[in-house]
PDB file of N, CA and C in Angstrom:
ATOM      1  N   MET A   1     -32.295 -76.371  44.946  1.00  0.00           N
ATOM      2  CA  MET A   1     -32.312 -75.285  44.170  1.00  0.00           C
ATOM      3  C   MET A   1     -32.211 -73.620  44.840  1.00  0.00           C
ATOM      4  N   LYS A   2     -32.891 -73.622  46.119  1.00  0.00           N
ATOM      5  CA  LYS A   2     -32.845 -72.515  46.918  1.00  0.00           C
ATOM      6  C   LYS A   2     -31.512 -72.198  47.421  1.00  0.00           C
ATOM      7  N   ASN A   3     -31.016 -73.365  47.706  1.00  0.00           N
ATOM      8  CA  ASN A   3     -29.541 -73.044  48.183  1.00  0.00           C
ATOM      9  C   ASN A   3     -28.437 -72.583  47.128  1.00  0.00           C
ATOM     10  N   ARG A   4     -28.616 -73.098  46.024  1.00  0.00           N
ATOM     11  CA  ARG A   4     -27.957 -72.462  44.947  1.00  0.00           C
ATOM     12  C   ARG A   4     -28.012 -71.098  44.565  1.00  0.00           C
ATOM     13  N   LEU A   5     -29.393 -70.723  44.590  1.00  0.00           N
ATOM     14  CA  LEU A   5     -29.750 -69.265  44.318  1.00  0.00           C
ATOM     15  C   LEU A   5     -29.152 -68.500  45.476  1.00  0.00           C
ATOM     16  N   PHE A   6     -29.527 -68.868  46.740  1.00  0.00           N
ATOM     17  CA  PHE A   6     -28.906 -68.143  47.762  1.00  0.00           C
ATOM     18  C   PHE A   6     -27.297 -67.878  47.673  1.00  0.00           C
ATOM     19  N   VAL A   7     -26.623 -69.036  47.219  1.00  0.00           N
ATOM     20  CA  VAL A   7     -25.062 -68.801  47.187  1.00  0.00           C
ATOM     21  C   VAL A   7     -24.842 -67.873  46.072  1.00  0.00           C
ATOM     22  N   LEU A   8     -25.534 -67.942  45.057  1.00  0.00           N
ATOM     23  CA  LEU A   8     -25.320 -67.135  43.773  1.00  0.00           C
ATOM     24  C   LEU A   8     -25.376 -65.643  44.179  1.00  0.00           C
ATOM     25  N   VAL A   9     -26.513 -65.375  44.879  1.00  0.00           N
ATOM     26  CA  VAL A   9     -26.915 -63.994  45.203  1.00  0.00           C
ATOM     27  C   VAL A   9     -25.816 -63.352  46.209  1.00  0.00           C
ATOM     28  N   SER A  10     -25.478 -64.441  47.067  1.00  0.00           N
ATOM     29  CA  SER A  10     -24.533 -63.848  48.193  1.00  0.00           C
ATOM     30  C   SER A  10     -23.319 -63.526  47.366  1.00  0.00           C
ATOM     31  N   ALA A  11     -22.625 -64.453  46.564  1.00  0.00           N
ATOM     32  CA  ALA A  11     -21.551 -64.110  45.797  1.00  0.00           C
ATOM     33  C   ALA A  11     -21.622 -62.919  44.964  1.00  0.00           C
ATOM     34  N   MET A  12     -22.624 -62.640  44.452  1.00  0.00           N
ATOM     35  CA  MET A  12     -22.998 -61.367  43.714  1.00  0.00           C
ATOM     36  C   MET A  12     -22.761 -60.108  44.662  1.00  0.00           C
ATOM     37  N   MET A  13     -23.452 -60.388  45.623  1.00  0.00           N
ATOM     38  CA  MET A  13     -23.473 -59.239  46.847  1.00  0.00           C
ATOM     39  C   MET A  13     -22.009 -58.761  47.222  1.00  0.00           C
ATOM     40  N   ALA A  14     -21.183 -59.934  47.514  1.00  0.00           N
ATOM     41  CA  ALA A  14     -19.898 -60.044  48.036  1.00  0.00           C
ATOM     42  C   ALA A  14     -19.027 -59.172  47.037  1.00  0.00           C
ATOM     43  N   SER A  15     -19.209 -59.684  45.779  1.00  0.00           N
ATOM     44  CA  SER A  15     -18.554 -58.920  44.774  1.00  0.00           C
ATOM     45  C   SER A  15     -18.667 -57.541  44.626  1.00  0.00           C
ATOM     46  N   MET A  16     -19.983 -57.117  44.739  1.00  0.00           N
ATOM     47  CA  MET A  16     -20.357 -55.611  44.541  1.00  0.00           C
ATOM     48  C   MET A  16     -19.499 -54.917  45.646  1.00  0.00           C
ATOM     49  N   PHE A  17     -19.770 -55.342  46.908  1.00  0.00           N
ATOM     50  CA  PHE A  17     -19.166 -54.620  48.180  1.00  0.00           C
ATOM     51  C   PHE A  17     -17.728 -54.545  47.846  1.00  0.00           C
ATOM     52  N   ALA A  18     -17.209 -55.764  47.382  1.00  0.00           N
ATOM     53  CA  ALA A  18     -15.624 -55.630  47.341  1.00  0.00           C
ATOM     54  C   ALA A  18     -15.045 -54.871  46.209  1.00  0.00           C
ATOM     55  N   LEU A  19     -15.904 -54.615  45.360  1.00  0.00           N
ATOM     56  CA  LEU A  19     -15.557 -53.589  44.087  1.00  0.00           C
ATOM     57  C   LEU A  19     -15.820 -52.185  44.554  1.00  0.00           C
ATOM     58  N   SER A  20     -16.700 -51.980  45.176  1.00  0.00           N
ATOM     59  CA  SER A  20     -17.173 -50.689  45.765  1.00  0.00           C
ATOM     60  C   SER A  20     -15.908 -50.222  46.778  1.00  0.00           C
ATOM     61  N   ALA A  21     -15.669 -51.274  47.648  1.00  0.00           N
ATOM     62  CA  ALA A  21     -14.519 -50.871  48.575  1.00  0.00           C
ATOM     63  C   ALA A  21     -13.216 -50.499  47.913  1.00  0.00           C
ATOM     64  N   CYS A  22     -12.908 -51.050  46.801  1.00  0.00           N
ATOM     65  CA  CYS A  22     -11.766 -50.751  46.184  1.00  0.00           C
ATOM     66  C   CYS A  22     -11.795 -49.286  45.567  1.00  0.00           C
ATOM     67  N   ASN A  23     -12.961 -49.029  45.161  1.00  0.00           N
ATOM     68  CA  ASN A  23     -13.025 -47.652  44.353  1.00  0.00           C
ATOM     69  C   ASN A  23     -13.076 -46.677  45.702  1.00  0.00           C
ATOM     70  N   THR A  24     -13.486 -46.896  46.823  1.00  0.00           N
ATOM     71  CA  THR A  24     -13.443 -45.990  47.867  1.00  0.00           C
ATOM     72  C   THR A  24     -11.933 -45.954  48.480  1.00  0.00           C
ATOM     73  N   VAL A  25     -11.323 -46.889  48.441  1.00  0.00           N
ATOM     74  CA  VAL A  25      -9.805 -46.936  49.013  1.00  0.00           C
ATOM     75  C   VAL A  25      -9.003 -46.244  47.815  1.00  0.00           C
ATOM     76  N   GLU A  26      -9.265 -46.354  46.665  1.00  0.00           N
ATOM     77  CA  GLU A  26      -8.355 -45.742  45.603  1.00  0.00           C
ATOM     78  C   GLU A  26      -8.961 -44.232  45.668  1.00  0.00           C
ATOM     79  N   GLY A  27     -10.100 -43.778  45.788  1.00  0.00           N
ATOM     80  CA  GLY A  27     -10.348 -42.360  45.891  1.00  0.00           C
ATOM     81  C   GLY A  27      -9.651 -41.672  47.089  1.00  0.00           C
ATOM     82  N   MET A  28      -9.622 -42.398  48.298  1.00  0.00           N
ATOM     83  CA  MET A  28      -8.935 -41.818  49.409  1.00  0.00           C
ATOM     84  C   MET A  28      -7.440 -41.756  49.246  1.00  0.00           C
ATOM     85  N   GLY A  29      -6.911 -42.832  48.524  1.00  0.00           N
ATOM     86  CA  GLY A  29      -5.404 -42.509  48.175  1.00  0.00           C
ATOM     87  C   GLY A  29      -5.247 -41.412  47.312  1.00  0.00           C
ATOM     88  N   LYS A  30      -6.079 -41.139  46.347  1.00  0.00           N
ATOM     89  CA  LYS A  30      -5.766 -39.905  45.411  1.00  0.00           C
ATOM     90  C   LYS A  30      -5.988 -38.713  46.292  1.00  0.00           C
ATOM     91  N   ASP A  31      -6.916 -38.645  47.339  1.00  0.00           N
ATOM     92  CA  ASP A  31      -7.056 -37.517  48.180  1.00  0.00           C
ATOM     93  C   ASP A  31      -5.686 -37.231  48.907  1.00  0.00           C
ATOM     94  N   VAL A  32      -5.280 -38.340  49.581  1.00  0.00           N
ATOM     95  CA  VAL A  32      -4.251 -38.188  50.347  1.00  0.00           C
ATOM     96  C   VAL A  32      -2.970 -37.756  49.579  1.00  0.00           C
ATOM     97  N   GLU A  33      -2.931 -38.295  48.372  1.00  0.00           N
ATOM     98  CA  GLU A  33      -1.845 -37.801  47.350  1.00  0.00           C
ATOM     99  C   GLU A  33      -1.762 -36.341  47.085  1.00  0.00           C
ATOM    100  N   ARG A  34      -2.980 -35.858  46.694  1.00  0.00           N
ATOM    101  CA  ARG A  34      -3.240 -34.460  46.455  1.00  0.00           C
ATOM    102  C   ARG A  34      -2.730 -33.741  47.596  1.00  0.00           C
ATOM    103  N   GLY A  35      -3.228 -34.111  48.834  1.00  0.00           N
ATOM    104  CA  GLY A  35      -2.858 -33.396  50.102  1.00  0.00           C
ATOM    105  C   GLY A  35      -1.271 -33.201  50.295  1.00  0.00           C
ATOM    106  N   GLY A  36      -0.593 -34.487  49.962  1.00  0.00           N
ATOM    107  CA  GLY A  36       0.684 -34.606  50.153  1.00  0.00           C
ATOM    108  C   GLY A  36       1.388 -33.386  49.186  1.00  0.00           C
ATOM    109  N   GLU A  37       0.855 -33.497  47.879  1.00  0.00           N
ATOM    110  CA  GLU A  37       1.443 -32.384  46.940  1.00  0.00           C
ATOM    111  C   GLU A  37       1.272 -31.003  47.346  1.00  0.00           C
ATOM    112  N   LYS A  38       0.091 -30.836  48.047  1.00  0.00           N
ATOM    113  CA  LYS A  38       0.040 -29.255  48.533  1.00  0.00           C
ATOM    114  C   LYS A  38       1.117 -28.946  49.631  1.00  0.00           C
ATOM    115  N   VAL A  39       1.256 -29.859  50.573  1.00  0.00           N
ATOM    116  CA  VAL A  39       2.163 -29.787  51.284  1.00  0.00           C
ATOM    117  C   VAL A  39       3.808 -29.658  50.774  1.00  0.00           C
ATOM    118  N   GLN A  40       4.035 -30.131  49.890  1.00  0.00           N
ATOM    119  CA  GLN A  40       5.211 -30.083  49.231  1.00  0.00           C
ATOM    120  C   GLN A  40       5.234 -28.820  48.521  1.00  0.00           C
ATOM    121  N   ASP A  41       4.221 -28.308  47.789  1.00  0.00           N
ATOM    122  CA  ASP A  41       4.227 -26.999  47.138  1.00  0.00           C
ATOM    123  C   ASP A  41       4.473 -26.026  48.240  1.00  0.00           C
ATOM    124  N   ALA A  42       3.618 -26.083  49.375  1.00  0.00           N
ATOM    125  CA  ALA A  42       3.921 -25.153  50.422  1.00  0.00           C
ATOM    126  C   ALA A  42       5.308 -24.957  50.914  1.00  0.00           C
ATOM    127  N   ALA A  43       5.818 -26.208  51.243  1.00  0.00           N
ATOM    128  CA  ALA A  43       7.383 -26.297  51.661  1.00  0.00           C
ATOM    129  C   ALA A  43       8.424 -25.515  50.627  1.00  0.00           C
ATOM    130  N   GLU A  44       8.190 -25.874  49.431  1.00  0.00           N
ATOM    131  CA  GLU A  44       9.042 -25.423  48.460  1.00  0.00           C
ATOM    132  C   GLU A  44       8.801 -23.765  48.456  1.00  0.00           C
ATOM    133  N   SER A  45       7.731 -23.532  48.595  1.00  0.00           N
ATOM    134  CA  SER A  45       7.347 -21.950  48.509  1.00  0.00           C
ATOM    135  C   SER A  45       7.928 -21.033  49.664  1.00  0.00           C
ATOM    136  N   THR A  46       7.987 -21.867  50.787  1.00  0.00           N
ATOM    137  CA  THR A  46       8.620 -21.292  51.967  1.00  0.00           C
ATOM    138  C   THR A  46      10.096 -21.287  51.725  1.00  0.00           C
ATOM    139  N   LYS A  47      10.681 -22.528  51.382  1.00  0.00           N
ATOM    140  CA  LYS A  47      12.172 -22.648  51.298  1.00  0.00           C
ATOM    141  C   LYS A  47      12.765 -21.470  50.223  1.00  0.00           C
ATOM    142  N   LYS A  48      11.897 -21.144  49.141  1.00  0.00           N
ATOM    143  CA  LYS A  48      12.498 -20.064  48.278  1.00  0.00           C
ATOM    144  C   LYS A  48      12.553 -18.789  48.964  1.00  0.00           C
ATOM    145  N   LYS A  49      11.529 -18.508  49.772  1.00  0.00           N
ATOM    146  CA  LYS A  49      11.298 -17.277  50.505  1.00  0.00           C
ATOM    147  C   LYS A  49      12.409 -17.005  51.261  1.00  0.00           C
ATOM    148  N   MET A  50      13.160 -18.205  51.865  1.00  0.00           N
ATOM    149  CA  MET A  50      14.173 -17.916  52.919  1.00  0.00           C
ATOM    150  C   MET A  50      15.424 -17.548  52.533  1.00  0.00           C
TER     151      MET A  50
END
């Protein structure tokens, strides 16, 4: 019985860590995307001034 409980708790914890990691990576991806958009905007602005 203790082994089954241990396996169940371990699986639940692993699932929580996996889900939180996905959210973190997704958030980082969005931040990088926004940074890239800002660089594009700055490049277009500079190009228009030339």
